[in-house]
Amino acid sequence: MLTGMSQWLTLSRAAHLLGISRVAMQKRIREGELPSFDGMVAVDDLQRSWPELDLDESGSFEKTRAIREDAFARRLRERVLPTQETLAQRLFEQGQELAEAQRTLTRYHALFDSLQARLAVPPPPTAAELGQLLDDGLAQALSVPAPADDIAALDAMLRVMSAHVTVKPSGREFFVEGSETLLKAALRAGLSPNYGCGNGVCGLCKARVVAGETRTVSPSDYRFTEAEKSQNHVLMCSCTALSSDLQLEVLEAAAPEDIPEQRIVAKVRSLDVLSADVMRLHLQTPRSNRLRFLAGQRVTLGVSAGQAEGSDLHGEFPVASCPCDDRNLLFHVSRADRRAASADFSRYLFAGGIKAGDDVSVWGPWGRFVLEEDSARPLVFIAIDEGFAPINSLIEHAIAVDAAESIVLYWASTQPGGQYLPNQCRAWSEALDEFSYQALALDDLSATLAAHSALPQSNVYLAGAAERVPPLAAALLAAGVPPQQLHVEAL
């Protein structure tokens, strides 16, 4: 039973409110720095555990400002509602009033508990003693000042702006910002729900509303059966959350075999030179036919080389982007690719044979180089040269789902400066307390890993050229990494 003078929040709500990862909060709970009860934490304990937190600088107000931009139509804002700043201030003031009312109720509840405890102890109190207990208790209840940093008030305000969704049966959670669709919010949070077209036609993203209410925000051509209607089914791609707390029963992909093989035609959106030997190929899938895959998986790309070449060209490449990027697929293509199945495709791309606007066939996904999302072990990623492509996808997904309390990235290169996206790795390291990055030469990799004492307690992901990965994988096993915790992608 939750008692006391404080408001209680779920771990997800508290982490979302403070702008920190849920894993960081769970770490403090395990270390005894933050009390918790049945997955809940008290607002007062949050304020004591994070005394340095400045809510004005934590990004929460900035986030609510962005949410308001998306949540309200321009006409409604201009003709009916007050200005955004006025509305935000009024919402926060109402949140303060609500928080104070909740605090008052908990104070009176505490007073009632103290009186009940006294009445249970013989001898019974006299009328004078009882009156004194009431006077003292009321004075204390009415004299407790509101905290300076009112987390409860901000939480009440953010509940208006973002809805909390719990997924059944997995128990995973995500937040819906403004009026974005449930599907977009779930993908952004790193979930893998079943979906296809993404625009209300195929019906693959059906979900059952267990608790709470949704609202349709985009038209749909899909027709529910009478049984589906009676069971409160909705399309995640067409609906948003109306309730501040929503529970959905969703079919999720838990393993590679849960995702069927797909064939689509995507457009080349851009080609970016990352280094003298690596080019980033950016494809965008059609709105009506998106690619479902798990972070770390590969696909086969195909282009028509025309009459001059005499045949179509194909290549198998890991997807470097995260599934949370929705329609955008990124690939890191190497000029030095020596794989028989991909070398011709790579040469054709570097020769200028593929341009923005061209069609590229995509089919897949393939491979089992995916994240163990049910494990809370620290994550260690080891990339050799272009092996960074699937590692990049895994890291972005791990960040989206708060997969571990710490992430370490070692990026080894066979030539000086071979880390072709150093700024991105440094940005991760600077933005995330639990992330560390080290660029090094391949010759120094073994010694560096030997000094990493926590490897046997970590989930280790290794990706690189086929001729370089096996010796390193054998060394990791010899160093004590359990086979079930070592995941290898030989390109």
Protein backbone atom coordinates (compact mmCIF):
# COMPACT_ATOMS: atom_id res chain seq x y z
CA MET A 1 0.00 0.00 0.00
CA LEU A 2 1.35 3.43 -0.97
CA THR A 3 1.29 5.87 1.94
CA GLY A 4 3.02 9.06 2.94
CA MET A 5 2.96 12.69 2.01
CA SER A 6 4.18 12.42 -1.57
CA GLN A 7 2.70 11.78 -4.97
CA TRP A 8 3.82 8.53 -6.62
CA LEU A 9 4.88 8.05 -10.26
CA THR A 10 5.72 5.02 -12.37
CA LEU A 11 9.39 4.62 -13.32
CA SER A 12 8.62 5.42 -16.96
CA ARG A 13 6.69 8.57 -16.04
CA ALA A 14 9.44 9.74 -13.70
CA ALA A 15 12.22 9.11 -16.23
CA HIS A 16 10.23 10.82 -18.99
CA LEU A 17 9.55 13.77 -16.73
CA LEU A 18 13.17 14.25 -15.63
CA GLY A 19 14.61 13.72 -19.09
CA ILE A 20 16.81 10.78 -18.03
CA SER A 21 16.89 7.14 -19.08
CA ARG A 22 14.81 4.60 -17.22
CA VAL A 23 17.96 2.46 -16.92
CA ALA A 24 19.76 5.23 -15.03
CA MET A 25 16.85 5.45 -12.60
CA GLN A 26 16.77 1.66 -12.11
CA LYS A 27 20.51 1.75 -11.38
CA ARG A 28 19.97 4.24 -8.53
CA ILE A 29 17.20 2.03 -7.16
CA ARG A 30 19.45 -1.05 -7.22
CA GLU A 31 22.23 0.89 -5.49
CA GLY A 32 19.84 1.99 -2.75
CA GLU A 33 20.00 5.71 -3.62
CA LEU A 34 16.33 5.93 -4.66
CA PRO A 35 13.51 4.17 -2.75
CA SER A 36 10.81 2.47 -4.81
CA PHE A 37 7.67 0.44 -4.22
CA ASP A 38 6.21 -1.99 -6.74
CA GLY A 39 7.57 -0.09 -9.75
CA MET A 40 6.65 3.33 -8.32
CA VAL A 41 8.79 6.19 -6.97
CA ALA A 42 7.76 9.12 -4.78
CA VAL A 43 8.06 12.68 -6.06
CA ASP A 44 9.76 13.77 -2.82
CA ASP A 45 12.39 11.03 -3.23
CA LEU A 46 13.01 12.13 -6.83
CA GLN A 47 13.66 15.67 -5.69
CA ARG A 48 16.08 14.46 -3.02
CA SER A 49 17.88 12.11 -5.41
CA TRP A 50 18.25 14.73 -8.16
CA PRO A 51 18.74 18.00 -6.21
CA GLU A 52 20.86 19.40 -9.03
CA LEU A 53 18.09 19.01 -11.59
CA ASP A 54 16.79 22.27 -13.03
CA LEU A 55 13.43 21.55 -14.62
CA ASP A 56 13.66 24.69 -16.70
CA GLU A 57 16.87 23.38 -18.27
CA SER A 58 15.99 19.68 -18.44
CA GLY A 59 14.25 20.04 -21.77
CA SER A 60 10.75 19.36 -20.43
CA PHE A 61 9.42 22.85 -21.13
CA GLU A 62 11.15 22.88 -24.50
CA LYS A 63 9.52 19.54 -25.29
CA THR A 64 6.06 20.76 -24.32
CA ARG A 65 6.53 23.75 -26.60
CA ALA A 66 7.30 21.45 -29.54
CA ILE A 67 4.37 19.22 -28.66
CA ARG A 68 1.99 22.14 -28.62
CA GLU A 69 3.12 23.10 -32.11
CA ASP A 70 2.13 19.64 -33.39
CA ALA A 71 -0.90 19.09 -31.22
CA PHE A 72 -3.06 22.07 -32.16
CA ALA A 73 -4.17 23.17 -35.58
CA ARG A 74 -3.06 26.64 -36.63
CA ARG A 75 -6.61 27.91 -37.03
CA LEU A 76 -7.62 26.69 -33.60
CA ARG A 77 -4.55 28.29 -32.00
CA GLU A 78 -5.09 31.64 -33.68
CA ARG A 79 -8.88 31.99 -33.41
CA VAL A 80 -9.93 30.09 -30.32
CA LEU A 81 -7.05 29.38 -27.95
CA PRO A 82 -4.85 31.94 -26.18
CA THR A 83 -1.21 32.27 -27.17
CA GLN A 84 1.02 29.26 -26.67
CA GLU A 85 2.95 30.93 -23.84
CA THR A 86 -0.27 31.90 -22.04
CA LEU A 87 -1.70 28.42 -22.46
CA ALA A 88 1.47 26.80 -21.15
CA GLN A 89 1.49 29.07 -18.10
CA ARG A 90 -2.18 28.41 -17.34
CA LEU A 91 -1.67 24.66 -17.69
CA PHE A 92 1.28 24.79 -15.31
CA GLU A 93 -0.71 26.85 -12.78
CA GLN A 94 -3.56 24.34 -12.93
CA GLY A 95 -1.00 21.58 -12.48
CA GLN A 96 0.25 23.34 -9.35
CA GLU A 97 -3.30 23.60 -8.00
CA LEU A 98 -3.90 19.91 -8.71
CA ALA A 99 -0.62 18.95 -7.07
CA GLU A 100 -1.45 21.01 -3.98
CA ALA A 101 -4.88 19.34 -3.76
CA GLN A 102 -3.22 15.93 -3.96
CA ARG A 103 -0.72 16.90 -1.26
CA THR A 104 -3.54 18.13 0.98
CA LEU A 105 -5.37 14.83 0.60
CA THR A 106 -2.26 12.84 1.52
CA ARG A 107 -1.72 15.08 4.60
CA TYR A 108 -5.25 14.46 5.82
CA HIS A 109 -4.79 10.76 5.12
CA ALA A 110 -1.63 10.77 7.25
CA LEU A 111 -3.53 12.59 10.03
CA PHE A 112 -6.28 9.99 9.92
CA ASP A 113 -3.68 7.18 10.12
CA SER A 114 -2.03 8.75 13.17
CA LEU A 115 -5.39 9.14 14.97
CA GLN A 116 -6.34 5.56 14.12
CA ALA A 117 -3.01 4.32 15.46
CA ARG A 118 -3.48 6.24 18.71
CA LEU A 119 -7.02 4.90 19.22
CA ALA A 120 -5.70 1.35 18.86
CA VAL A 121 -3.32 1.76 21.83
CA PRO A 122 -4.84 1.45 25.32
CA PRO A 123 -5.82 3.34 27.35
CA PRO A 124 -8.22 5.30 25.08
CA PRO A 125 -7.32 8.97 24.70
CA THR A 126 -9.31 11.59 26.58
CA ALA A 127 -11.38 14.17 24.72
CA ALA A 128 -8.77 16.82 25.50
CA GLU A 129 -5.93 14.63 24.22
CA LEU A 130 -7.89 13.80 21.10
CA GLY A 131 -8.58 17.48 20.49
CA GLN A 132 -4.89 18.29 20.90
CA LEU A 133 -3.93 15.56 18.43
CA LEU A 134 -6.38 17.00 15.92
CA ASP A 135 -5.12 20.56 16.41
CA ASP A 136 -1.46 19.53 16.05
CA GLY A 137 -2.18 17.34 13.03
CA LEU A 138 -4.19 20.02 11.23
CA ALA A 139 -1.53 22.64 11.94
CA GLN A 140 1.13 20.40 10.49
CA ALA A 141 -0.99 19.47 7.47
CA LEU A 142 -1.76 23.09 6.64
CA SER A 143 1.73 24.42 7.23
CA VAL A 144 3.75 22.17 4.88
CA PRO A 145 5.05 24.44 2.10
CA ALA A 146 4.96 23.39 -1.54
CA PRO A 147 8.35 22.26 -2.87
CA ALA A 148 10.33 24.79 -4.87
CA ASP A 149 10.75 22.51 -7.89
CA ASP A 150 7.24 21.19 -8.30
CA ILE A 151 7.72 17.93 -10.17
CA ALA A 152 4.12 16.93 -9.53
CA ALA A 153 2.83 20.11 -11.18
CA LEU A 154 5.03 19.59 -14.23
CA ASP A 155 3.90 15.97 -14.45
CA ALA A 156 0.26 17.08 -14.48
CA MET A 157 1.08 19.48 -17.30
CA LEU A 158 2.98 16.91 -19.35
CA ARG A 159 0.10 14.44 -18.98
CA VAL A 160 -1.92 16.85 -21.11
CA MET A 161 0.82 16.93 -23.73
CA SER A 162 1.97 13.31 -23.88
CA ALA A 163 0.19 10.01 -23.24
CA HIS A 164 1.75 6.97 -21.60
CA VAL A 165 1.10 3.68 -23.41
CA THR A 166 1.67 0.22 -21.94
CA VAL A 167 1.87 -2.69 -24.38
CA LYS A 168 0.45 -6.10 -23.54
CA PRO A 169 1.66 -8.82 -23.14
CA SER A 170 5.30 -7.62 -23.29
CA GLY A 171 4.84 -4.85 -20.70
CA ARG A 172 6.92 -2.42 -22.77
CA GLU A 173 6.03 1.27 -22.66
CA PHE A 174 6.21 4.34 -24.86
CA PHE A 175 4.96 7.92 -24.94
CA VAL A 176 2.76 9.55 -27.57
CA GLU A 177 3.71 13.18 -28.11
CA GLY A 178 0.94 15.55 -29.18
CA SER A 179 -1.30 13.93 -31.78
CA GLU A 180 1.25 11.63 -33.43
CA THR A 181 -0.05 8.19 -34.32
CA LEU A 182 0.41 5.23 -32.03
CA LEU A 183 2.48 3.49 -34.71
CA LYS A 184 4.87 6.40 -35.17
CA ALA A 185 5.33 6.77 -31.41
CA ALA A 186 5.91 3.02 -30.96
CA LEU A 187 8.52 2.90 -33.73
CA ARG A 188 10.25 6.00 -32.35
CA ALA A 189 10.49 4.26 -28.98
CA GLY A 190 12.14 1.20 -30.56
CA LEU A 191 9.18 -1.20 -30.47
CA SER A 192 8.60 -3.70 -33.28
CA PRO A 193 4.83 -3.85 -33.81
CA ASN A 194 3.34 -5.64 -36.77
CA TYR A 195 2.59 -3.16 -39.58
CA GLY A 196 2.63 -2.86 -43.36
CA CYS A 197 1.40 0.14 -45.34
CA GLY A 198 1.34 2.62 -42.47
CA ASN A 199 -1.59 4.52 -43.98
CA GLY A 200 -4.72 2.66 -42.93
CA VAL A 201 -5.16 0.16 -45.77
CA CYS A 202 -3.60 -3.23 -44.96
CA GLY A 203 -4.80 -3.58 -41.36
CA LEU A 204 -1.62 -5.31 -40.15
CA CYS A 205 -1.10 -2.79 -37.32
CA LYS A 206 -4.33 -3.76 -35.56
CA ALA A 207 -4.20 -3.42 -31.79
CA ARG A 208 -6.80 -4.03 -29.10
CA VAL A 209 -7.51 -1.26 -26.62
CA VAL A 210 -7.42 -2.88 -23.17
CA ALA A 211 -7.84 0.32 -21.14
CA GLY A 212 -8.17 3.98 -22.06
CA GLU A 213 -9.39 5.67 -25.22
CA THR A 214 -7.97 6.50 -28.65
CA ARG A 215 -8.91 9.02 -31.32
CA THR A 216 -8.69 8.69 -35.11
CA VAL A 217 -6.33 11.28 -36.62
CA SER A 218 -6.03 10.03 -40.20
CA PRO A 219 -8.51 8.31 -42.56
CA SER A 220 -8.50 4.55 -43.02
CA ASP A 221 -9.89 2.27 -45.73
CA TYR A 222 -9.61 -0.85 -43.61
CA ARG A 223 -12.92 -2.38 -42.50
CA PHE A 224 -13.05 -4.08 -39.12
CA THR A 225 -15.20 -7.15 -38.62
CA GLU A 226 -18.01 -6.98 -36.08
CA ALA A 227 -15.96 -9.15 -33.74
CA GLU A 228 -12.97 -6.77 -34.00
CA LYS A 229 -15.22 -3.80 -33.31
CA SER A 230 -16.70 -5.44 -30.23
CA GLN A 231 -13.19 -6.19 -28.95
CA ASN A 232 -12.09 -2.54 -29.30
CA HIS A 233 -9.58 -3.01 -32.12
CA VAL A 234 -7.98 0.07 -33.68
CA LEU A 235 -5.31 0.75 -36.30
CA MET A 236 -2.13 2.08 -34.75
CA CYS A 237 -1.26 3.97 -37.94
CA SER A 238 -4.56 5.90 -37.87
CA CYS A 239 -5.11 6.60 -34.18
CA THR A 240 -3.53 8.55 -31.37
CA ALA A 241 -3.98 8.27 -27.61
CA LEU A 242 -6.85 10.25 -26.13
CA SER A 243 -6.35 9.09 -22.53
CA SER A 244 -3.22 10.12 -20.64
CA ASP A 245 -2.72 6.42 -19.80
CA LEU A 246 -3.49 3.78 -22.42
CA GLN A 247 -3.08 -0.01 -22.52
CA LEU A 248 -2.85 -1.80 -25.87
CA GLU A 249 -2.64 -5.45 -26.80
CA VAL A 250 -0.17 -5.50 -29.69
CA LEU A 251 1.44 -8.21 -31.79
CA GLU A 252 5.20 -7.55 -31.64
CA ALA A 253 8.19 -9.10 -33.36
CA ALA A 254 10.41 -10.66 -30.70
CA ALA A 255 12.84 -12.49 -33.01
CA PRO A 256 13.95 -12.38 -36.68
CA GLU A 257 11.65 -15.26 -37.59
CA ASP A 258 8.67 -13.12 -36.55
CA ILE A 259 9.24 -10.80 -39.53
CA PRO A 260 8.31 -12.13 -42.99
CA GLU A 261 10.43 -11.66 -46.12
CA GLN A 262 9.36 -8.52 -47.98
CA ARG A 263 10.01 -7.10 -51.45
CA ILE A 264 9.61 -3.40 -52.07
CA VAL A 265 10.93 -0.74 -54.42
CA ALA A 266 12.50 2.29 -52.74
CA LYS A 267 13.74 5.61 -54.12
CA VAL A 268 17.27 6.93 -53.75
CA ARG A 269 16.92 10.06 -51.69
CA SER A 270 20.60 11.00 -51.46
CA LEU A 271 24.20 9.81 -51.81
CA ASP A 272 26.71 11.18 -49.29
CA VAL A 273 30.46 10.71 -49.37
CA LEU A 274 31.56 9.75 -45.85
CA SER A 275 35.20 9.12 -46.75
CA ALA A 276 37.32 8.32 -49.78
CA ASP A 277 36.19 4.69 -49.54
CA VAL A 278 32.72 4.81 -47.98
CA MET A 279 29.48 6.25 -49.33
CA ARG A 280 26.14 6.51 -47.54
CA LEU A 281 23.18 5.41 -49.64
CA HIS A 282 19.90 6.86 -48.37
CA LEU A 283 16.74 5.11 -49.59
CA GLN A 284 13.16 6.04 -48.81
CA THR A 285 10.40 3.46 -48.98
CA PRO A 286 6.91 4.24 -50.35
CA ARG A 287 4.35 5.55 -47.89
CA SER A 288 2.14 2.57 -48.68
CA ASN A 289 4.80 -0.15 -48.32
CA ARG A 290 7.42 0.21 -45.62
CA LEU A 291 10.12 -2.27 -44.66
CA ARG A 292 9.85 -4.10 -41.35
CA PHE A 293 13.18 -5.23 -39.92
CA LEU A 294 15.04 -5.52 -36.64
CA ALA A 295 18.06 -3.36 -35.88
CA GLY A 296 21.25 -5.07 -37.07
CA GLN A 297 19.66 -7.07 -39.91
CA ARG A 298 20.71 -7.10 -43.60
CA VAL A 299 18.77 -6.74 -46.86
CA THR A 300 19.49 -7.37 -50.51
CA LEU A 301 19.60 -4.32 -52.81
CA GLY A 302 19.13 -4.54 -56.55
CA VAL A 303 19.35 -2.09 -59.46
CA SER A 304 18.91 -2.36 -63.18
CA ALA A 305 22.25 -1.53 -64.78
CA GLY A 306 20.72 -1.03 -68.22
CA GLN A 307 21.58 -2.41 -71.65
CA ALA A 308 25.23 -1.40 -71.44
CA GLU A 309 25.89 -3.61 -68.43
CA GLY A 310 23.73 -6.44 -69.71
CA SER A 311 22.27 -7.52 -66.36
CA ASP A 312 20.87 -6.41 -63.05
CA LEU A 313 23.20 -5.91 -60.09
CA HIS A 314 22.59 -7.09 -56.55
CA GLY A 315 24.34 -6.70 -53.23
CA GLU A 316 23.65 -7.68 -49.63
CA PHE A 317 24.20 -4.91 -47.09
CA PRO A 318 23.41 -4.35 -43.41
CA VAL A 319 20.90 -1.60 -42.71
CA ALA A 320 22.80 1.16 -40.90
CA SER A 321 19.69 3.00 -39.73
CA CYS A 322 17.29 2.19 -36.91
CA PRO A 323 13.77 0.81 -37.48
CA CYS A 324 12.61 3.91 -35.60
CA ASP A 325 13.56 5.96 -38.70
CA ASP A 326 10.36 4.71 -40.31
CA ARG A 327 10.63 5.06 -44.12
CA ASN A 328 14.33 5.97 -44.20
CA LEU A 329 16.90 3.24 -44.89
CA LEU A 330 20.64 4.01 -44.70
CA PHE A 331 23.52 1.88 -46.00
CA HIS A 332 27.30 2.33 -45.72
CA VAL A 333 28.72 1.07 -49.02
CA SER A 334 32.48 0.44 -49.26
CA ARG A 335 34.50 0.96 -52.41
CA ALA A 336 36.76 -1.88 -51.22
CA ASP A 337 33.93 -4.41 -50.86
CA ARG A 338 35.40 -7.73 -52.04
CA ARG A 339 32.34 -9.91 -51.49
CA ALA A 340 31.36 -11.62 -54.73
CA ALA A 341 27.69 -10.89 -54.10
CA SER A 342 28.20 -7.15 -53.54
CA ALA A 343 31.39 -5.99 -55.28
CA ASP A 344 29.72 -5.25 -58.65
CA PHE A 345 26.93 -3.28 -56.97
CA SER A 346 29.49 -1.23 -54.98
CA ARG A 347 31.61 -0.47 -58.07
CA TYR A 348 28.52 0.60 -60.00
CA LEU A 349 27.48 2.96 -57.21
CA PHE A 350 30.95 4.57 -56.90
CA ALA A 351 31.09 4.94 -60.69
CA GLY A 352 28.01 7.15 -60.56
CA GLY A 353 25.60 4.55 -61.91
CA ILE A 354 23.09 5.20 -59.11
CA LYS A 355 21.63 8.68 -58.71
CA ALA A 356 19.05 10.45 -56.56
CA GLY A 357 15.54 9.52 -57.68
CA ASP A 358 16.51 6.09 -59.03
CA ASP A 359 14.56 2.97 -58.07
CA VAL A 360 16.29 0.36 -55.92
CA SER A 361 14.74 -3.01 -55.15
CA VAL A 362 14.90 -4.06 -51.51
CA TRP A 363 14.15 -7.52 -50.20
CA GLY A 364 14.70 -9.16 -46.87
CA PRO A 365 15.41 -8.81 -44.02
CA TRP A 366 18.09 -11.40 -43.26
CA GLY A 367 20.29 -12.31 -40.32
CA ARG A 368 20.15 -12.77 -36.55
CA PHE A 369 22.58 -10.02 -35.51
CA VAL A 370 19.95 -8.37 -33.31
CA LEU A 371 19.72 -6.94 -29.82
CA GLU A 372 18.82 -9.04 -26.76
CA GLU A 373 16.17 -6.67 -25.48
CA ASP A 374 15.21 -8.81 -22.49
CA SER A 375 18.73 -8.62 -21.09
CA ALA A 376 19.86 -5.82 -18.79
CA ARG A 377 23.59 -6.59 -19.16
CA PRO A 378 25.99 -3.81 -20.21
CA LEU A 379 26.44 -3.58 -23.98
CA VAL A 380 29.85 -3.69 -25.70
CA PHE A 381 29.94 -3.00 -29.45
CA ILE A 382 33.07 -3.75 -31.50
CA ALA A 383 33.16 -2.51 -35.10
CA ILE A 384 35.96 -3.13 -37.58
CA ASP A 385 35.95 -0.69 -40.52
CA GLU A 386 32.55 -0.82 -42.29
CA GLY A 387 31.32 -3.25 -39.64
CA PHE A 388 30.14 -0.04 -38.02
CA ALA A 389 27.02 -0.09 -40.26
CA PRO A 390 25.02 -2.77 -38.37
CA ILE A 391 26.57 -1.58 -35.09
CA ASN A 392 25.18 1.90 -35.79
CA SER A 393 21.69 0.44 -36.20
CA LEU A 394 21.99 -1.54 -32.95
CA ILE A 395 23.26 1.46 -30.96
CA GLU A 396 20.47 3.75 -32.15
CA HIS A 397 17.93 1.07 -31.25
CA ALA A 398 19.54 0.45 -27.84
CA ILE A 399 19.36 4.16 -27.08
CA ALA A 400 15.70 4.30 -28.15
CA VAL A 401 14.65 1.43 -25.88
CA ASP A 402 16.95 2.15 -22.88
CA ALA A 403 18.40 -1.32 -23.36
CA ALA A 404 21.29 -1.18 -20.87
CA GLU A 405 22.77 0.91 -18.11
CA SER A 406 26.04 1.30 -20.05
CA ILE A 407 27.11 1.17 -23.70
CA VAL A 408 30.73 0.93 -24.86
CA LEU A 409 31.75 1.30 -28.51
CA TYR A 410 35.18 0.29 -29.84
CA TRP A 411 35.66 1.21 -33.50
CA ALA A 412 38.85 -0.24 -34.93
CA SER A 413 40.22 0.67 -38.34
CA THR A 414 42.77 -0.97 -40.60
CA GLN A 415 43.97 2.43 -41.79
CA PRO A 416 44.45 5.83 -40.09
CA GLY A 417 41.22 7.82 -39.84
CA GLY A 418 39.09 4.90 -40.98
CA GLN A 419 36.30 5.86 -38.56
CA TYR A 420 34.17 7.67 -41.12
CA LEU A 421 31.51 9.02 -38.71
CA PRO A 422 33.59 10.22 -35.73
CA ASN A 423 31.41 13.23 -34.93
CA GLN A 424 28.33 11.07 -34.54
CA CYS A 425 30.13 8.77 -32.08
CA ARG A 426 31.48 11.71 -30.09
CA ALA A 427 27.99 13.24 -29.99
CA TRP A 428 26.62 10.02 -28.45
CA SER A 429 29.40 10.07 -25.87
CA GLU A 430 28.80 13.71 -24.95
CA ALA A 431 25.01 13.45 -24.81
CA LEU A 432 24.70 10.16 -22.90
CA ASP A 433 26.29 9.63 -19.50
CA GLU A 434 26.19 5.87 -19.93
CA PHE A 435 27.91 5.88 -23.36
CA SER A 436 31.67 5.71 -24.03
CA TYR A 437 33.50 5.62 -27.36
CA GLN A 438 37.04 4.77 -28.33
CA ALA A 439 38.55 4.92 -31.82
CA LEU A 440 41.68 2.83 -32.29
CA ALA A 441 43.85 1.04 -34.80
CA LEU A 442 43.06 -2.62 -35.44
CA ASP A 443 46.48 -3.63 -34.08
CA ASP A 444 45.57 -2.09 -30.71
CA LEU A 445 42.13 -3.67 -30.43
CA SER A 446 43.13 -6.94 -28.75
CA ALA A 447 45.11 -5.23 -26.00
CA THR A 448 42.27 -2.77 -25.38
CA LEU A 449 39.70 -5.54 -25.06
CA ALA A 450 41.99 -7.49 -22.73
CA ALA A 451 41.89 -4.50 -20.35
CA HIS A 452 38.07 -4.46 -20.38
CA SER A 453 37.42 -6.53 -17.26
CA ALA A 454 33.61 -6.43 -17.55
CA LEU A 455 33.44 -8.25 -20.91
CA PRO A 456 32.27 -11.59 -19.40
CA GLN A 457 29.34 -9.77 -17.75
CA SER A 458 28.37 -7.95 -20.96
CA ASN A 459 26.49 -8.68 -24.17
CA VAL A 460 29.15 -8.28 -26.87
CA TYR A 461 28.39 -7.44 -30.52
CA LEU A 462 31.22 -7.81 -33.06
CA ALA A 463 30.96 -6.86 -36.75
CA GLY A 464 33.53 -6.58 -39.51
CA ALA A 465 35.03 -8.21 -42.59
CA ALA A 466 34.73 -12.00 -42.68
CA GLU A 467 38.49 -12.56 -42.64
CA ARG A 468 39.03 -10.38 -39.53
CA VAL A 469 36.13 -11.33 -37.28
CA PRO A 470 36.74 -15.06 -36.47
CA PRO A 471 40.15 -14.63 -34.75
CA LEU A 472 38.79 -11.82 -32.59
CA ALA A 473 35.65 -13.79 -31.73
CA ALA A 474 37.83 -16.70 -30.62
CA ALA A 475 39.89 -14.35 -28.44
CA LEU A 476 36.73 -12.98 -26.80
CA LEU A 477 35.53 -16.48 -25.99
CA ALA A 478 38.94 -17.32 -24.55
CA ALA A 479 38.73 -14.16 -22.43
CA GLY A 480 35.61 -15.50 -20.73
CA VAL A 481 32.73 -14.07 -22.78
CA PRO A 482 29.98 -16.76 -22.69
CA PRO A 483 29.05 -18.00 -26.20
CA GLN A 484 25.40 -17.03 -25.70
CA GLN A 485 26.48 -13.42 -24.98
CA LEU A 486 28.70 -13.06 -28.05
CA HIS A 487 26.96 -11.97 -31.27
CA VAL A 488 29.00 -11.92 -34.46
CA GLU A 489 28.31 -10.46 -37.91
CA ALA A 490 30.95 -11.40 -40.51
CA LEU A 491 30.48 -9.24 -43.59
